[in-house]
């Protein structure tokens, strides 16, 4: 079963903030723990996944 949502591989993440800067819903934040996603704001558009230079973000729109 595949669950809709957003996932980040914190081991791959460079904490560069590229995803934060392109999020149209301002759902991402760079903190001392890495990238945080406010799931109440995220619309799963996938822009963050496309911009991530190391492929650390995965967005799944299919349930």
N, C-alpha and C. Protein backbone atom coordinates (compact mmCIF):
# COMPACT_ATOMS: atom_id res chain seq x y z
N UNK A 1 0.84 -1.19 0.00
CA UNK A 1 0.00 0.00 0.00
C UNK A 1 0.89 1.25 0.00
N UNK A 2 0.63 2.14 -0.90
CA UNK A 2 1.37 3.41 -0.99
C UNK A 2 0.50 4.50 -0.37
N UNK A 3 1.11 5.27 0.48
CA UNK A 3 0.39 6.33 1.19
C UNK A 3 0.74 7.68 0.59
N UNK A 4 -0.30 8.52 0.40
CA UNK A 4 -0.05 9.88 -0.08
C UNK A 4 0.78 10.63 0.94
N UNK A 5 1.69 11.44 0.46
CA UNK A 5 2.45 12.25 1.38
C UNK A 5 3.80 12.69 0.87
N UNK A 6 4.59 13.13 1.77
CA UNK A 6 5.87 13.75 1.53
C UNK A 6 6.90 13.09 2.41
N UNK A 7 8.06 12.79 1.88
CA UNK A 7 9.10 12.15 2.68
C UNK A 7 10.46 12.72 2.29
N UNK A 8 11.30 12.89 3.28
CA UNK A 8 12.65 13.36 3.01
C UNK A 8 13.64 12.37 3.61
N UNK A 9 14.67 12.07 2.83
CA UNK A 9 15.75 11.23 3.30
C UNK A 9 16.76 12.17 3.97
N UNK A 10 16.72 12.20 5.30
CA UNK A 10 17.57 13.14 6.04
C UNK A 10 19.05 12.82 5.90
N UNK A 11 19.38 11.59 5.52
CA UNK A 11 20.79 11.25 5.29
C UNK A 11 21.30 11.81 3.98
N UNK A 12 20.42 11.99 3.00
CA UNK A 12 20.81 12.55 1.70
C UNK A 12 20.73 14.08 1.68
N UNK A 13 19.83 14.63 2.48
CA UNK A 13 19.56 16.07 2.46
C UNK A 13 20.81 16.88 2.77
N UNK A 14 21.10 17.87 1.92
CA UNK A 14 22.25 18.76 2.11
C UNK A 14 21.92 19.97 2.98
N UNK A 15 20.65 20.14 3.29
CA UNK A 15 20.16 21.31 4.04
C UNK A 15 20.52 22.61 3.32
N UNK A 16 20.42 22.56 2.00
CA UNK A 16 20.77 23.73 1.18
C UNK A 16 19.65 24.76 1.13
N UNK A 17 18.41 24.32 1.40
CA UNK A 17 17.28 25.23 1.41
C UNK A 17 16.66 25.49 0.05
N UNK A 18 17.12 24.81 -0.98
CA UNK A 18 16.56 25.03 -2.32
C UNK A 18 15.05 24.75 -2.33
N UNK A 19 14.64 23.70 -1.67
CA UNK A 19 13.22 23.34 -1.64
C UNK A 19 12.40 24.38 -0.89
N UNK A 20 12.96 24.91 0.18
CA UNK A 20 12.27 25.93 0.98
C UNK A 20 12.00 27.16 0.13
N UNK A 21 12.97 27.55 -0.68
CA UNK A 21 12.85 28.78 -1.47
C UNK A 21 11.84 28.68 -2.61
N UNK A 22 11.52 27.46 -3.07
CA UNK A 22 10.59 27.34 -4.20
C UNK A 22 9.17 26.91 -3.80
N UNK A 23 8.95 26.58 -2.54
CA UNK A 23 7.64 26.08 -2.12
C UNK A 23 6.58 27.19 -2.23
N UNK A 24 5.57 27.00 -3.10
CA UNK A 24 4.57 28.04 -3.29
C UNK A 24 3.61 28.18 -2.11
N UNK A 25 3.53 27.19 -1.25
CA UNK A 25 2.64 27.22 -0.09
C UNK A 25 3.37 27.57 1.21
N UNK A 26 4.68 27.82 1.11
CA UNK A 26 5.51 28.11 2.28
C UNK A 26 5.32 27.03 3.34
N UNK A 27 5.30 25.77 2.89
CA UNK A 27 5.08 24.63 3.76
C UNK A 27 6.38 24.03 4.29
N UNK A 28 7.51 24.49 3.78
CA UNK A 28 8.80 23.92 4.18
C UNK A 28 9.59 24.94 4.99
N UNK A 29 10.35 24.41 5.94
CA UNK A 29 11.17 25.26 6.79
C UNK A 29 12.49 24.54 7.06
N UNK A 30 13.56 25.31 7.05
CA UNK A 30 14.87 24.77 7.37
C UNK A 30 15.13 25.03 8.84
N UNK A 31 15.31 23.97 9.61
CA UNK A 31 15.56 24.10 11.05
C UNK A 31 16.85 23.37 11.40
N UNK A 32 17.19 23.38 12.68
CA UNK A 32 18.40 22.68 13.12
C UNK A 32 18.28 21.17 12.93
N UNK A 33 17.06 20.67 12.73
CA UNK A 33 16.81 19.25 12.49
C UNK A 33 16.79 18.91 11.01
N UNK A 34 16.92 19.89 10.16
CA UNK A 34 16.85 19.69 8.71
C UNK A 34 15.60 20.33 8.15
N UNK A 35 15.07 19.77 7.08
CA UNK A 35 13.87 20.31 6.45
C UNK A 35 12.63 19.77 7.16
N UNK A 36 11.73 20.66 7.51
CA UNK A 36 10.47 20.30 8.15
C UNK A 36 9.34 20.66 7.19
N UNK A 37 8.31 19.82 7.15
CA UNK A 37 7.16 20.04 6.26
C UNK A 37 5.91 20.24 7.10
N UNK A 38 5.22 21.35 6.86
CA UNK A 38 3.93 21.58 7.50
C UNK A 38 2.87 20.92 6.61
N UNK A 39 2.44 19.75 6.99
CA UNK A 39 1.53 18.97 6.16
C UNK A 39 0.16 19.62 6.00
N UNK A 40 -0.18 20.56 6.87
CA UNK A 40 -1.44 21.29 6.73
C UNK A 40 -1.38 22.29 5.58
N UNK A 41 -0.18 22.74 5.23
CA UNK A 41 -0.03 23.70 4.14
C UNK A 41 0.35 23.05 2.81
N UNK A 42 1.05 21.93 2.88
CA UNK A 42 1.56 21.26 1.68
C UNK A 42 0.42 20.72 0.81
N UNK A 43 0.49 21.02 -0.49
CA UNK A 43 -0.53 20.50 -1.42
C UNK A 43 0.05 19.41 -2.34
N UNK A 44 1.24 18.92 -2.00
CA UNK A 44 1.89 17.83 -2.74
C UNK A 44 2.12 18.18 -4.21
N UNK A 45 2.48 19.42 -4.48
CA UNK A 45 2.70 19.85 -5.86
C UNK A 45 3.95 19.22 -6.48
N UNK A 46 4.96 18.89 -5.64
CA UNK A 46 6.15 18.22 -6.14
C UNK A 46 7.28 19.12 -6.60
N UNK A 47 7.12 20.41 -6.48
CA UNK A 47 8.18 21.33 -6.91
C UNK A 47 9.45 21.10 -6.09
N UNK A 48 9.29 20.85 -4.80
CA UNK A 48 10.46 20.62 -3.94
C UNK A 48 11.22 19.37 -4.39
N UNK A 49 10.49 18.35 -4.78
CA UNK A 49 11.13 17.11 -5.24
C UNK A 49 11.94 17.36 -6.51
N UNK A 50 11.40 18.17 -7.40
CA UNK A 50 12.08 18.46 -8.68
C UNK A 50 13.33 19.32 -8.49
N UNK A 51 13.31 20.22 -7.51
CA UNK A 51 14.42 21.16 -7.33
C UNK A 51 15.56 20.59 -6.48
N UNK A 52 15.28 19.56 -5.70
CA UNK A 52 16.28 19.01 -4.79
C UNK A 52 17.48 18.47 -5.58
N UNK A 53 18.68 19.01 -5.34
CA UNK A 53 19.83 18.62 -6.14
C UNK A 53 20.32 17.18 -5.91
N UNK A 54 19.91 16.56 -4.80
CA UNK A 54 20.37 15.20 -4.50
C UNK A 54 19.24 14.18 -4.44
N UNK A 55 18.04 14.58 -4.78
CA UNK A 55 16.91 13.65 -4.80
C UNK A 55 16.50 13.15 -3.43
N UNK A 56 16.63 14.01 -2.41
CA UNK A 56 16.31 13.60 -1.05
C UNK A 56 14.81 13.63 -0.75
N UNK A 57 14.03 14.32 -1.57
CA UNK A 57 12.59 14.48 -1.31
C UNK A 57 11.79 13.62 -2.27
N UNK A 58 10.81 12.96 -1.71
CA UNK A 58 9.87 12.17 -2.52
C UNK A 58 8.45 12.59 -2.16
N UNK A 59 7.67 12.92 -3.19
CA UNK A 59 6.28 13.30 -3.02
C UNK A 59 5.43 12.24 -3.70
N UNK A 60 4.47 11.70 -2.99
CA UNK A 60 3.59 10.68 -3.53
C UNK A 60 2.16 11.19 -3.50
N UNK A 61 1.58 11.43 -4.68
CA UNK A 61 0.21 11.92 -4.78
C UNK A 61 -0.80 10.81 -4.92
N UNK A 62 -0.35 9.58 -5.10
CA UNK A 62 -1.23 8.44 -5.32
C UNK A 62 -1.47 7.67 -4.04
N UNK A 63 -2.72 7.30 -3.83
CA UNK A 63 -3.04 6.49 -2.63
C UNK A 63 -3.25 5.06 -3.05
